Amino acid sequence: MKGKVSKMSEMFENSRKSDKRKYFVVTHRALPEVLLKVVEAKRLLESGRVQTVQEAIEKVGISRSSFYKYQDDIFPYHDNAKGKTLTVVMQMDDEPGLLALVLQVIAKFHANVLTIHQSIPVNGIASVTLSADILPSTGDVEQMIDEIETLQGIHYVKIIAKEG
């Protein structure tokens, strides 16, 4: 039995090590509250509004162990987006001018559109895959995605790749 436990422990540890190299893009709604609080504590520290980790964790309401456990594993997406190619897929109504409105939002945030592919609409709904170069002058990518999602006729926007 001791050999089995040791082998299982080794398999678990190897699995954990390989998991550290995997990345996921999720919306804030999918994250546990503790992770969002870790991000907020890190923002407080970076902004200088608090001087110590203890002050930050007290302000956001998490334990010191939670902060240290997750601090290197979570960061706001937009902080690392500059100089990358961002690819999104959107489902949208087949309405004249709607894609032009999406492109206006992207232009407003100073991103550079690289490719656009629109499927043939089915039942009045089209899928659009769009890749954009996120430049140093590009505004907040998260805000850009949010603004696209709020356009009338956009059903959803999902980030499917970030390269570069």
N, C-alpha and C. Protein backbone atom coordinates (compact mmCIF):
# COMPACT_ATOMS: atom_id res chain seq x y z
N MET A 1 0.83 -1.21 0.00
CA MET A 1 0.00 0.00 0.00
C MET A 1 0.87 1.25 0.00
N LYS A 2 1.96 1.20 0.75
CA LYS A 2 2.83 2.36 0.84
C LYS A 2 3.38 2.75 -0.54
N GLY A 3 3.72 1.74 -1.35
CA GLY A 3 4.21 2.00 -2.70
C GLY A 3 3.17 2.67 -3.57
N LYS A 4 1.90 2.27 -3.43
CA LYS A 4 0.81 2.87 -4.22
C LYS A 4 0.63 4.33 -3.85
N VAL A 5 0.65 4.63 -2.56
CA VAL A 5 0.48 6.01 -2.10
C VAL A 5 1.62 6.87 -2.62
N SER A 6 2.83 6.35 -2.55
CA SER A 6 3.99 7.08 -3.03
C SER A 6 3.87 7.34 -4.53
N LYS A 7 3.45 6.32 -5.29
CA LYS A 7 3.29 6.46 -6.74
C LYS A 7 2.20 7.48 -7.07
N MET A 8 1.08 7.43 -6.34
CA MET A 8 -0.01 8.39 -6.57
C MET A 8 0.46 9.80 -6.24
N SER A 9 1.21 9.94 -5.16
CA SER A 9 1.73 11.25 -4.78
C SER A 9 2.64 11.80 -5.87
N GLU A 10 3.49 10.93 -6.42
CA GLU A 10 4.39 11.34 -7.49
C GLU A 10 3.61 11.75 -8.73
N MET A 11 2.57 10.98 -9.08
CA MET A 11 1.74 11.32 -10.25
C MET A 11 1.05 12.67 -10.04
N PHE A 12 0.54 12.89 -8.83
CA PHE A 12 -0.14 14.15 -8.53
C PHE A 12 0.84 15.32 -8.67
N GLU A 13 2.04 15.16 -8.12
CA GLU A 13 3.03 16.23 -8.18
C GLU A 13 3.44 16.51 -9.63
N ASN A 14 3.63 15.47 -10.44
CA ASN A 14 3.96 15.67 -11.86
C ASN A 14 2.83 16.36 -12.59
N SER A 15 1.59 16.01 -12.26
CA SER A 15 0.42 16.66 -12.86
C SER A 15 0.38 18.14 -12.50
N ARG A 16 0.66 18.45 -11.23
CA ARG A 16 0.66 19.85 -10.79
C ARG A 16 1.74 20.64 -11.52
N LYS A 17 2.91 20.05 -11.69
CA LYS A 17 4.00 20.75 -12.38
C LYS A 17 3.62 21.06 -13.81
N SER A 18 3.01 20.11 -14.51
CA SER A 18 2.63 20.36 -15.90
C SER A 18 1.49 21.36 -15.98
N ASP A 19 0.59 21.39 -14.98
CA ASP A 19 -0.52 22.35 -14.98
C ASP A 19 -0.03 23.78 -14.89
N LYS A 20 1.12 24.02 -14.30
CA LYS A 20 1.62 25.38 -14.14
C LYS A 20 1.92 26.04 -15.48
N ARG A 21 2.07 25.25 -16.53
CA ARG A 21 2.39 25.80 -17.84
C ARG A 21 1.15 26.06 -18.68
N LYS A 22 -0.02 25.71 -18.19
CA LYS A 22 -1.25 25.90 -18.94
C LYS A 22 -1.88 27.24 -18.55
N TYR A 23 -2.43 27.92 -19.54
CA TYR A 23 -3.07 29.21 -19.30
C TYR A 23 -4.49 29.15 -19.82
N PHE A 24 -5.37 29.89 -19.17
CA PHE A 24 -6.76 29.95 -19.57
C PHE A 24 -7.18 31.40 -19.57
N VAL A 25 -8.05 31.76 -20.49
CA VAL A 25 -8.66 33.08 -20.49
C VAL A 25 -10.09 32.88 -20.04
N VAL A 26 -10.45 33.49 -18.93
CA VAL A 26 -11.81 33.38 -18.40
C VAL A 26 -12.32 34.78 -18.08
N THR A 27 -13.61 34.93 -18.08
CA THR A 27 -14.19 36.21 -17.68
C THR A 27 -14.17 36.29 -16.16
N HIS A 28 -14.26 37.51 -15.64
CA HIS A 28 -14.22 37.69 -14.19
C HIS A 28 -15.40 36.99 -13.51
N ARG A 29 -16.51 36.79 -14.23
CA ARG A 29 -17.67 36.11 -13.64
C ARG A 29 -17.37 34.66 -13.28
N ALA A 30 -16.40 34.05 -13.97
CA ALA A 30 -16.08 32.64 -13.75
C ALA A 30 -15.06 32.44 -12.62
N LEU A 31 -14.49 33.52 -12.11
CA LEU A 31 -13.45 33.40 -11.10
C LEU A 31 -14.01 33.37 -9.68
N PRO A 32 -13.41 32.55 -8.82
CA PRO A 32 -13.80 32.59 -7.41
C PRO A 32 -13.45 33.96 -6.81
N GLU A 33 -14.23 34.37 -5.85
CA GLU A 33 -14.06 35.69 -5.24
C GLU A 33 -12.65 35.89 -4.69
N VAL A 34 -12.05 34.85 -4.16
CA VAL A 34 -10.71 34.99 -3.58
C VAL A 34 -9.70 35.44 -4.63
N LEU A 35 -9.81 34.95 -5.86
CA LEU A 35 -8.87 35.36 -6.91
C LEU A 35 -9.06 36.82 -7.29
N LEU A 36 -10.30 37.26 -7.34
CA LEU A 36 -10.57 38.67 -7.63
C LEU A 36 -10.01 39.57 -6.54
N LYS A 37 -10.09 39.10 -5.30
CA LYS A 37 -9.55 39.88 -4.17
C LYS A 37 -8.03 39.92 -4.20
N VAL A 38 -7.39 38.85 -4.67
CA VAL A 38 -5.94 38.85 -4.81
C VAL A 38 -5.53 39.91 -5.84
N VAL A 39 -6.25 39.97 -6.96
CA VAL A 39 -5.97 40.98 -7.98
C VAL A 39 -6.12 42.38 -7.39
N GLU A 40 -7.19 42.58 -6.64
CA GLU A 40 -7.42 43.89 -6.03
C GLU A 40 -6.30 44.24 -5.04
N ALA A 41 -5.87 43.28 -4.24
CA ALA A 41 -4.78 43.52 -3.29
C ALA A 41 -3.50 43.90 -4.04
N LYS A 42 -3.23 43.22 -5.13
CA LYS A 42 -2.04 43.55 -5.93
C LYS A 42 -2.14 44.96 -6.51
N ARG A 43 -3.34 45.34 -6.95
CA ARG A 43 -3.53 46.71 -7.48
C ARG A 43 -3.28 47.75 -6.40
N LEU A 44 -3.79 47.48 -5.20
CA LEU A 44 -3.57 48.42 -4.09
C LEU A 44 -2.08 48.60 -3.81
N LEU A 45 -1.35 47.50 -3.80
CA LEU A 45 0.10 47.57 -3.56
C LEU A 45 0.82 48.32 -4.68
N GLU A 46 0.48 48.02 -5.94
CA GLU A 46 1.13 48.66 -7.08
C GLU A 46 0.82 50.15 -7.15
N SER A 47 -0.39 50.52 -6.74
CA SER A 47 -0.79 51.94 -6.81
C SER A 47 -0.17 52.78 -5.70
N GLY A 48 0.32 52.11 -4.66
CA GLY A 48 0.89 52.84 -3.53
C GLY A 48 -0.15 53.27 -2.51
N ARG A 49 -1.42 52.87 -2.71
CA ARG A 49 -2.47 53.24 -1.74
C ARG A 49 -2.29 52.53 -0.41
N VAL A 50 -1.59 51.41 -0.43
CA VAL A 50 -1.20 50.72 0.80
C VAL A 50 0.28 50.40 0.67
N GLN A 51 0.94 50.25 1.82
CA GLN A 51 2.38 50.04 1.81
C GLN A 51 2.80 48.59 2.03
N THR A 52 1.93 47.81 2.68
CA THR A 52 2.31 46.44 3.02
C THR A 52 1.25 45.46 2.54
N VAL A 53 1.68 44.20 2.41
CA VAL A 53 0.75 43.13 2.05
C VAL A 53 -0.33 43.03 3.12
N GLN A 54 0.06 43.18 4.38
CA GLN A 54 -0.92 43.09 5.47
C GLN A 54 -2.03 44.12 5.31
N GLU A 55 -1.67 45.35 4.99
CA GLU A 55 -2.68 46.39 4.77
C GLU A 55 -3.60 46.02 3.60
N ALA A 56 -3.01 45.53 2.51
CA ALA A 56 -3.79 45.19 1.31
C ALA A 56 -4.77 44.06 1.59
N ILE A 57 -4.31 43.00 2.26
CA ILE A 57 -5.21 41.87 2.49
C ILE A 57 -6.31 42.21 3.48
N GLU A 58 -6.00 43.07 4.45
CA GLU A 58 -7.04 43.51 5.39
C GLU A 58 -8.09 44.33 4.66
N LYS A 59 -7.64 45.17 3.74
CA LYS A 59 -8.56 46.03 3.01
C LYS A 59 -9.51 45.24 2.11
N VAL A 60 -9.00 44.17 1.47
CA VAL A 60 -9.84 43.40 0.56
C VAL A 60 -10.51 42.21 1.23
N GLY A 61 -10.04 41.83 2.40
CA GLY A 61 -10.70 40.76 3.15
C GLY A 61 -10.30 39.34 2.78
N ILE A 62 -9.01 39.11 2.60
CA ILE A 62 -8.53 37.75 2.36
C ILE A 62 -7.39 37.44 3.33
N SER A 63 -7.06 36.17 3.43
CA SER A 63 -5.97 35.77 4.32
C SER A 63 -4.63 35.97 3.64
N ARG A 64 -3.61 36.09 4.44
CA ARG A 64 -2.25 36.23 3.94
C ARG A 64 -1.86 35.00 3.11
N SER A 65 -2.25 33.82 3.58
CA SER A 65 -1.90 32.59 2.85
C SER A 65 -2.57 32.55 1.47
N SER A 66 -3.81 33.03 1.37
CA SER A 66 -4.48 33.08 0.07
C SER A 66 -3.76 34.02 -0.89
N PHE A 67 -3.35 35.17 -0.37
CA PHE A 67 -2.64 36.13 -1.20
C PHE A 67 -1.36 35.51 -1.76
N TYR A 68 -0.54 34.94 -0.89
CA TYR A 68 0.72 34.37 -1.33
C TYR A 68 0.54 33.12 -2.19
N LYS A 69 -0.52 32.38 -1.95
CA LYS A 69 -0.78 31.17 -2.74
C LYS A 69 -1.07 31.53 -4.21
N TYR A 70 -1.82 32.62 -4.44
CA TYR A 70 -2.30 32.93 -5.79
C TYR A 70 -1.64 34.15 -6.44
N GLN A 71 -0.82 34.89 -5.73
CA GLN A 71 -0.33 36.16 -6.27
C GLN A 71 0.40 36.04 -7.60
N ASP A 72 1.11 34.94 -7.83
CA ASP A 72 1.85 34.79 -9.08
C ASP A 72 1.04 34.09 -10.17
N ASP A 73 -0.19 33.69 -9.85
CA ASP A 73 -0.99 32.92 -10.79
C ASP A 73 -2.12 33.70 -11.43
N ILE A 74 -2.39 34.90 -10.99
CA ILE A 74 -3.49 35.67 -11.56
C ILE A 74 -3.05 37.10 -11.79
N PHE A 75 -3.46 37.62 -12.94
CA PHE A 75 -3.16 39.00 -13.30
C PHE A 75 -4.22 39.46 -14.28
N PRO A 76 -4.51 40.75 -14.30
CA PRO A 76 -5.49 41.26 -15.26
C PRO A 76 -4.99 41.02 -16.68
N TYR A 77 -5.87 40.57 -17.54
CA TYR A 77 -5.50 40.26 -18.91
C TYR A 77 -4.88 41.44 -19.63
N HIS A 78 -5.48 42.61 -19.50
CA HIS A 78 -5.02 43.76 -20.28
C HIS A 78 -3.61 44.19 -19.93
N ASP A 79 -3.10 43.84 -18.76
CA ASP A 79 -1.74 44.21 -18.38
C ASP A 79 -0.70 43.57 -19.30
N ASN A 80 -1.00 42.42 -19.87
CA ASN A 80 -0.03 41.70 -20.70
C ASN A 80 -0.41 41.65 -22.16
N ALA A 81 -1.33 42.47 -22.61
CA ALA A 81 -1.84 42.34 -23.98
C ALA A 81 -1.01 43.10 -25.00
N LYS A 82 -0.28 44.13 -24.62
CA LYS A 82 0.44 44.97 -25.57
C LYS A 82 1.45 44.15 -26.38
N GLY A 83 1.52 44.46 -27.69
CA GLY A 83 2.46 43.78 -28.55
C GLY A 83 2.04 42.37 -28.91
N LYS A 84 0.77 42.08 -28.80
CA LYS A 84 0.26 40.73 -29.05
C LYS A 84 -0.76 40.77 -30.18
N THR A 85 -1.01 39.61 -30.74
CA THR A 85 -2.12 39.45 -31.68
C THR A 85 -3.26 38.81 -30.90
N LEU A 86 -4.38 39.47 -30.91
CA LEU A 86 -5.56 39.01 -30.20
C LEU A 86 -6.57 38.51 -31.23
N THR A 87 -7.08 37.29 -31.02
CA THR A 87 -8.09 36.75 -31.92
C THR A 87 -9.37 36.52 -31.14
N VAL A 88 -10.47 37.04 -31.66
CA VAL A 88 -11.78 36.87 -31.01
C VAL A 88 -12.76 36.27 -32.00
N VAL A 89 -13.75 35.60 -31.44
CA VAL A 89 -14.87 35.13 -32.26
C VAL A 89 -16.12 35.81 -31.71
N MET A 90 -16.96 36.27 -32.61
CA MET A 90 -18.18 36.96 -32.22
C MET A 90 -19.36 36.32 -32.93
N GLN A 91 -20.47 36.31 -32.27
CA GLN A 91 -21.71 35.93 -32.93
C GLN A 91 -22.55 37.20 -32.95
N MET A 92 -23.05 37.53 -34.14
CA MET A 92 -23.75 38.81 -34.29
C MET A 92 -24.88 38.70 -35.28
N ASP A 93 -25.83 39.62 -35.14
CA ASP A 93 -26.94 39.69 -36.08
C ASP A 93 -26.41 40.09 -37.46
N ASP A 94 -27.05 39.59 -38.49
CA ASP A 94 -26.71 39.95 -39.86
C ASP A 94 -27.42 41.25 -40.20
N GLU A 95 -26.88 42.34 -39.70
CA GLU A 95 -27.46 43.67 -39.89
C GLU A 95 -26.46 44.55 -40.62
N PRO A 96 -26.90 45.28 -41.65
CA PRO A 96 -25.98 46.19 -42.35
C PRO A 96 -25.36 47.20 -41.37
N GLY A 97 -24.06 47.34 -41.43
CA GLY A 97 -23.36 48.33 -40.61
C GLY A 97 -22.90 47.85 -39.25
N LEU A 98 -23.34 46.67 -38.80
CA LEU A 98 -22.95 46.20 -37.47
C LEU A 98 -21.46 45.88 -37.40
N LEU A 99 -20.93 45.22 -38.41
CA LEU A 99 -19.49 44.94 -38.42
C LEU A 99 -18.69 46.24 -38.49
N ALA A 100 -19.20 47.22 -39.21
CA ALA A 100 -18.53 48.53 -39.28
C ALA A 100 -18.47 49.17 -37.90
N LEU A 101 -19.54 49.00 -37.10
CA LEU A 101 -19.52 49.55 -35.72
C LEU A 101 -18.46 48.85 -34.87
N VAL A 102 -18.33 47.54 -35.05
CA VAL A 102 -17.30 46.79 -34.32
C VAL A 102 -15.92 47.34 -34.70
N LEU A 103 -15.70 47.54 -35.99
CA LEU A 103 -14.41 48.06 -36.46
C LEU A 103 -14.15 49.47 -35.94
N GLN A 104 -15.20 50.28 -35.80
CA GLN A 104 -15.04 51.62 -35.24
C GLN A 104 -14.57 51.56 -33.79
N VAL A 105 -15.10 50.61 -33.03
CA VAL A 105 -14.67 50.46 -31.63
C VAL A 105 -13.19 50.07 -31.59
N ILE A 106 -12.81 49.12 -32.43
CA ILE A 106 -11.41 48.68 -32.47
C ILE A 106 -10.50 49.85 -32.86
N ALA A 107 -10.92 50.64 -33.84
CA ALA A 107 -10.14 51.81 -34.26
C ALA A 107 -10.05 52.84 -33.13
N LYS A 108 -11.15 53.03 -32.40
CA LYS A 108 -11.18 53.98 -31.28
C LYS A 108 -10.13 53.63 -30.22
N PHE A 109 -9.89 52.32 -30.03
CA PHE A 109 -8.92 51.87 -29.04
C PHE A 109 -7.51 51.73 -29.63
N HIS A 110 -7.34 52.13 -30.88
CA HIS A 110 -6.04 52.14 -31.57
C HIS A 110 -5.42 50.75 -31.70
N ALA A 111 -6.26 49.74 -31.95
CA ALA A 111 -5.75 48.42 -32.29
C ALA A 111 -5.76 48.33 -33.81
N ASN A 112 -4.95 47.44 -34.37
CA ASN A 112 -4.82 47.31 -35.81
C ASN A 112 -5.44 45.99 -36.25
N VAL A 113 -6.51 46.03 -37.05
CA VAL A 113 -7.17 44.82 -37.53
C VAL A 113 -6.26 44.13 -38.54
N LEU A 114 -6.02 42.84 -38.32
CA LEU A 114 -5.18 42.06 -39.22
C LEU A 114 -5.99 41.19 -40.16
N THR A 115 -6.99 40.47 -39.61
CA THR A 115 -7.83 39.61 -40.45
C THR A 115 -9.27 39.66 -39.96
N ILE A 116 -10.19 39.44 -40.90
CA ILE A 116 -11.61 39.31 -40.57
C ILE A 116 -12.16 38.17 -41.42
N HIS A 117 -12.87 37.26 -40.79
CA HIS A 117 -13.56 36.21 -41.54
C HIS A 117 -14.99 36.14 -41.02
N GLN A 118 -15.95 36.32 -41.91
CA GLN A 118 -17.36 36.22 -41.53
C GLN A 118 -17.98 35.04 -42.23
N SER A 119 -18.69 34.23 -41.45
CA SER A 119 -19.38 33.08 -42.03
C SER A 119 -20.64 33.57 -42.76
N ILE A 120 -21.18 32.72 -43.59
CA ILE A 120 -22.47 33.02 -44.22
C ILE A 120 -23.52 32.97 -43.12
N PRO A 121 -24.34 34.01 -43.00
CA PRO A 121 -25.34 34.03 -41.93
C PRO A 121 -26.35 32.89 -42.04
N VAL A 122 -26.69 32.32 -40.90
CA VAL A 122 -27.72 31.29 -40.81
C VAL A 122 -28.76 31.79 -39.83
N ASN A 123 -30.01 31.82 -40.26
CA ASN A 123 -31.11 32.34 -39.44
C ASN A 123 -30.83 33.75 -38.93
N GLY A 124 -30.18 34.56 -39.77
CA GLY A 124 -29.93 35.95 -39.42
C GLY A 124 -28.78 36.18 -38.46
N ILE A 125 -27.98 35.13 -38.18
CA ILE A 125 -26.85 35.24 -37.25
C ILE A 125 -25.58 34.86 -37.99
N ALA A 126 -24.53 35.66 -37.85
CA ALA A 126 -23.24 35.39 -38.48
C ALA A 126 -22.17 35.23 -37.41
N SER A 127 -21.20 34.37 -37.68
CA SER A 127 -20.02 34.25 -36.82
C SER A 127 -18.89 35.01 -37.49
N VAL A 128 -18.18 35.80 -36.70
CA VAL A 128 -17.06 36.58 -37.21
C VAL A 128 -15.84 36.25 -36.37
N THR A 129 -14.75 35.90 -37.05
CA THR A 129 -13.47 35.73 -36.37
C THR A 129 -12.60 36.90 -36.80
N LEU A 130 -12.03 37.58 -35.83
CA LEU A 130 -11.27 38.79 -36.10
C LEU A 130 -9.96 38.73 -35.32
N SER A 131 -8.86 39.06 -35.99
CA SER A 131 -7.57 39.15 -35.33
C SER A 131 -7.11 40.60 -35.38
N ALA A 132 -6.56 41.07 -34.27
CA ALA A 132 -6.10 42.45 -34.19
C ALA A 132 -4.74 42.49 -33.51
N ASP A 133 -3.91 43.42 -33.98
CA ASP A 133 -2.61 43.66 -33.38
C ASP A 133 -2.83 44.66 -32.24
N ILE A 134 -2.44 44.26 -31.03
CA ILE A 134 -2.57 45.14 -29.87
C ILE A 134 -1.26 45.90 -29.74
N LEU A 135 -1.31 47.18 -30.04
CA LEU A 135 -0.13 48.03 -30.11
C LEU A 135 0.15 48.70 -28.76
N PRO A 136 1.34 49.24 -28.59
CA PRO A 136 1.61 49.98 -27.34
C PRO A 136 0.64 51.14 -27.12
N SER A 137 0.10 51.68 -28.21
CA SER A 137 -0.85 52.81 -28.09
C SER A 137 -2.29 52.35 -27.89
N THR A 138 -2.53 51.04 -27.95
CA THR A 138 -3.88 50.51 -27.80
C THR A 138 -4.36 50.76 -26.37
N GLY A 139 -5.62 51.16 -26.25
CA GLY A 139 -6.20 51.36 -24.93
C GLY A 139 -6.43 50.04 -24.21
N ASP A 140 -7.23 50.07 -23.18
CA ASP A 140 -7.53 48.92 -22.34
C ASP A 140 -8.30 47.88 -23.16
N VAL A 141 -7.68 46.72 -23.40
CA VAL A 141 -8.28 45.68 -24.23
C VAL A 141 -9.57 45.16 -23.61
N GLU A 142 -9.58 45.00 -22.30
CA GLU A 142 -10.78 44.52 -21.61
C GLU A 142 -11.94 45.48 -21.85
N GLN A 143 -11.67 46.76 -21.78
CA GLN A 143 -12.71 47.77 -22.02
C GLN A 143 -13.17 47.73 -23.48
N MET A 144 -12.24 47.50 -24.40
CA MET A 144 -12.60 47.42 -25.82
C MET A 144 -13.55 46.24 -26.06
N ILE A 145 -13.23 45.09 -25.49
CA ILE A 145 -14.09 43.91 -25.63
C ILE A 145 -15.46 44.19 -25.02
N ASP A 146 -15.47 44.80 -23.83
CA ASP A 146 -16.74 45.13 -23.17
C ASP A 146 -17.59 46.05 -24.05
N GLU A 147 -16.95 47.03 -24.67
CA GLU A 147 -17.68 47.98 -25.52
C GLU A 147 -18.26 47.29 -26.76
N ILE A 148 -17.51 46.37 -27.33
CA ILE A 148 -18.02 45.61 -28.48
C ILE A 148 -19.22 44.77 -28.04
N GLU A 149 -19.12 44.12 -26.88
CA GLU A 149 -20.21 43.28 -26.39
C GLU A 149 -21.50 44.05 -26.14
N THR A 150 -21.39 45.34 -25.85
CA THR A 150 -22.59 46.13 -25.56
C THR A 150 -23.28 46.66 -26.81
N LEU A 151 -22.67 46.48 -27.98
CA LEU A 151 -23.30 46.93 -29.21
C LEU A 151 -24.58 46.13 -29.47
N GLN A 152 -25.63 46.84 -29.87
CA GLN A 152 -26.89 46.18 -30.20
C GLN A 152 -26.68 45.22 -31.37
N GLY A 153 -27.05 43.96 -31.19
CA GLY A 153 -26.90 42.97 -32.24
C GLY A 153 -25.72 42.03 -32.03
N ILE A 154 -24.87 42.32 -31.05
CA ILE A 154 -23.76 41.41 -30.73
C ILE A 154 -24.25 40.44 -29.67
N HIS A 155 -24.19 39.15 -29.96
CA HIS A 155 -24.66 38.13 -29.03
C HIS A 155 -23.58 37.78 -28.01
N TYR A 156 -22.35 37.62 -28.46
CA TYR A 156 -21.23 37.41 -27.56
C TYR A 156 -19.91 37.65 -28.27
N VAL A 157 -18.88 37.90 -27.48
CA VAL A 157 -17.51 38.04 -27.95
C VAL A 157 -16.66 37.16 -27.05
N LYS A 158 -15.87 36.28 -27.65
CA LYS A 158 -14.99 35.40 -26.87
C LYS A 158 -13.56 35.52 -27.40
N ILE A 159 -12.62 35.68 -26.49
CA ILE A 159 -11.21 35.68 -26.87
C ILE A 159 -10.81 34.23 -27.05
N ILE A 160 -10.27 33.91 -28.25
CA ILE A 160 -9.88 32.52 -28.48
C ILE A 160 -8.37 32.34 -28.57
N ALA A 161 -7.62 33.44 -28.74
CA ALA A 161 -6.17 33.32 -28.78
C ALA A 161 -5.50 34.65 -28.49
N LYS A 162 -4.34 34.54 -27.89
CA LYS A 162 -3.46 35.70 -27.68
C LYS A 162 -2.06 35.20 -28.00
N GLU A 163 -1.45 35.77 -29.02
CA GLU A 163 -0.14 35.29 -29.46
C GLU A 163 0.84 36.44 -29.49
N GLY A 164 2.11 36.08 -29.43
CA GLY A 164 3.15 37.08 -29.61
C GLY A 164 3.95 37.35 -28.39
